[in-house]
């Protein structure tokens, strides 16, 4: 359904430290800054980009938006969470753990990146 996801950031170097660490847990290679100054990650057919806003205004996070990353296990989600905290992320919501949601039991961990974008590590433990 999606070709790519792009988030805004004012500090690309801080974003690179954070996302190199968190996406590295998923096996993604380090991000590359392209000629336009965008930070680009390619992994498992997906593309994820971080860019300074093209209108020149400060980057802001979307109120009510969450970007979720698929995890292979609760342990991988915990490693993602720890990497994020160690590299400028902020813990939010409940601590990582199992939640009962309409699709079944999921293991979730939530962070905000250095810009404030809300992120989630998600592993489906048991389908409903």
Protein backbone atom coordinates (compact mmCIF):
# COMPACT_ATOMS: atom_id res chain seq x y z
CA UNK A 1 0.00 0.00 0.00
CA UNK A 2 2.79 2.46 0.84
CA UNK A 3 5.75 3.34 -1.34
CA UNK A 4 7.58 5.21 1.40
CA UNK A 5 7.20 7.15 4.64
CA UNK A 6 8.82 10.54 5.28
CA UNK A 7 9.03 12.41 8.57
CA UNK A 8 10.34 15.89 9.22
CA UNK A 9 13.30 16.83 11.38
CA UNK A 10 15.29 20.01 11.89
CA UNK A 11 18.42 18.20 13.10
CA UNK A 12 19.29 15.53 10.53
CA UNK A 13 22.43 14.48 12.43
CA UNK A 14 20.41 13.76 15.60
CA UNK A 15 17.81 11.92 13.53
CA UNK A 16 20.56 9.85 11.89
CA UNK A 17 22.01 8.79 15.28
CA UNK A 18 18.54 7.81 16.51
CA UNK A 19 17.36 5.99 13.39
CA UNK A 20 20.70 4.29 12.64
CA UNK A 21 20.44 2.79 16.13
CA UNK A 22 16.74 1.87 16.14
CA UNK A 23 16.50 0.68 12.54
CA UNK A 24 19.83 -1.12 12.91
CA UNK A 25 18.07 -3.39 15.44
CA UNK A 26 15.80 -4.42 12.55
CA UNK A 27 18.77 -5.18 10.30
CA UNK A 28 18.53 -2.01 8.23
CA UNK A 29 21.82 -0.53 7.02
CA UNK A 30 22.85 2.95 8.16
CA UNK A 31 20.93 5.79 6.56
CA UNK A 32 22.42 7.77 3.71
CA UNK A 33 22.05 11.52 3.29
CA UNK A 34 21.19 12.19 -0.36
CA UNK A 35 22.07 15.23 -2.47
CA UNK A 36 18.90 17.00 -1.30
CA UNK A 37 19.91 16.59 2.36
CA UNK A 38 17.29 13.91 3.09
CA UNK A 39 18.20 10.96 5.29
CA UNK A 40 17.21 7.76 3.44
CA UNK A 41 16.81 4.19 4.73
CA UNK A 42 16.02 1.23 2.46
CA UNK A 43 15.24 -2.17 3.97
CA UNK A 44 13.12 -5.18 2.98
CA UNK A 45 11.60 -3.29 0.06
CA UNK A 46 10.58 -0.29 2.17
CA UNK A 47 11.91 3.26 2.10
CA UNK A 48 11.93 5.58 5.08
CA UNK A 49 13.09 9.17 4.78
CA UNK A 50 13.76 12.04 7.17
CA UNK A 51 13.88 15.54 5.74
CA UNK A 52 13.93 19.16 6.77
CA UNK A 53 10.55 20.57 5.74
CA UNK A 54 10.72 21.85 2.17
CA UNK A 55 8.71 24.97 3.07
CA UNK A 56 11.54 26.14 5.34
CA UNK A 57 9.35 26.10 8.45
CA UNK A 58 10.39 24.17 11.59
CA UNK A 59 9.62 20.46 11.67
CA UNK A 60 6.73 19.45 13.89
CA UNK A 61 5.25 16.09 14.76
CA UNK A 62 1.72 15.16 13.75
CA UNK A 63 -0.74 15.27 16.64
CA UNK A 64 -2.50 11.90 16.69
CA UNK A 65 -0.09 10.20 14.29
CA UNK A 66 2.01 7.12 15.08
CA UNK A 67 4.49 5.35 12.82
CA UNK A 68 4.72 1.64 13.64
CA UNK A 69 7.64 -0.67 12.96
CA UNK A 70 7.10 -4.43 12.70
CA UNK A 71 9.17 -6.51 15.11
CA UNK A 72 10.08 -10.19 14.92
CA UNK A 73 9.83 -10.70 18.68
CA UNK A 74 9.29 -8.93 22.00
CA UNK A 75 13.06 -9.09 22.51
CA UNK A 76 13.63 -7.20 19.26
CA UNK A 77 11.08 -4.59 20.36
CA UNK A 78 12.93 -4.21 23.67
CA UNK A 79 16.26 -3.81 21.83
CA UNK A 80 14.67 -1.19 19.53
CA UNK A 81 13.31 0.64 22.58
CA UNK A 82 16.66 0.57 24.40
CA UNK A 83 18.52 1.76 21.29
CA UNK A 84 16.08 4.62 20.91
CA UNK A 85 16.40 5.72 24.54
CA UNK A 86 20.19 5.60 24.29
CA UNK A 87 20.17 7.76 21.15
CA UNK A 88 17.94 10.72 21.93
CA UNK A 89 14.49 9.10 22.08
CA UNK A 90 11.94 9.70 24.82
CA UNK A 91 9.85 7.01 26.52
CA UNK A 92 6.10 7.61 26.27
CA UNK A 93 2.88 5.84 27.22
CA UNK A 94 3.01 2.59 29.19
CA UNK A 95 6.27 0.63 29.49
CA UNK A 96 6.86 -1.95 26.73
CA UNK A 97 4.63 -4.97 27.13
CA UNK A 98 1.67 -7.02 25.95
CA UNK A 99 -1.62 -5.25 25.22
CA UNK A 100 -4.94 -6.82 24.30
CA UNK A 101 -6.27 -5.06 21.21
CA UNK A 102 -8.93 -5.97 18.62
CA UNK A 103 -6.43 -7.94 16.47
CA UNK A 104 -5.26 -10.02 19.47
CA UNK A 105 -2.34 -9.79 21.86
CA UNK A 106 0.43 -7.50 20.72
CA UNK A 107 3.73 -6.52 22.30
CA UNK A 108 4.12 -2.75 22.00
CA UNK A 109 6.84 -0.24 22.86
CA UNK A 110 6.42 3.50 22.25
CA UNK A 111 9.02 6.25 21.82
CA UNK A 112 9.25 9.76 20.49
CA UNK A 113 12.21 10.45 18.21
CA UNK A 114 14.41 13.53 18.79
CA UNK A 115 11.93 15.68 16.81
CA UNK A 116 8.92 14.39 18.74
CA UNK A 117 7.50 12.00 16.15
CA UNK A 118 5.58 9.17 17.85
CA UNK A 119 6.91 5.70 17.03
CA UNK A 120 5.78 2.22 17.98
CA UNK A 121 7.50 -1.15 17.91
CA UNK A 122 4.82 -3.82 17.36
CA UNK A 123 4.98 -7.61 17.52
CA UNK A 124 1.82 -9.69 17.08
CA UNK A 125 1.97 -12.28 19.87
CA UNK A 126 -1.36 -13.99 19.33
CA UNK A 127 -3.99 -13.23 16.67
CA UNK A 128 -7.61 -12.93 17.79
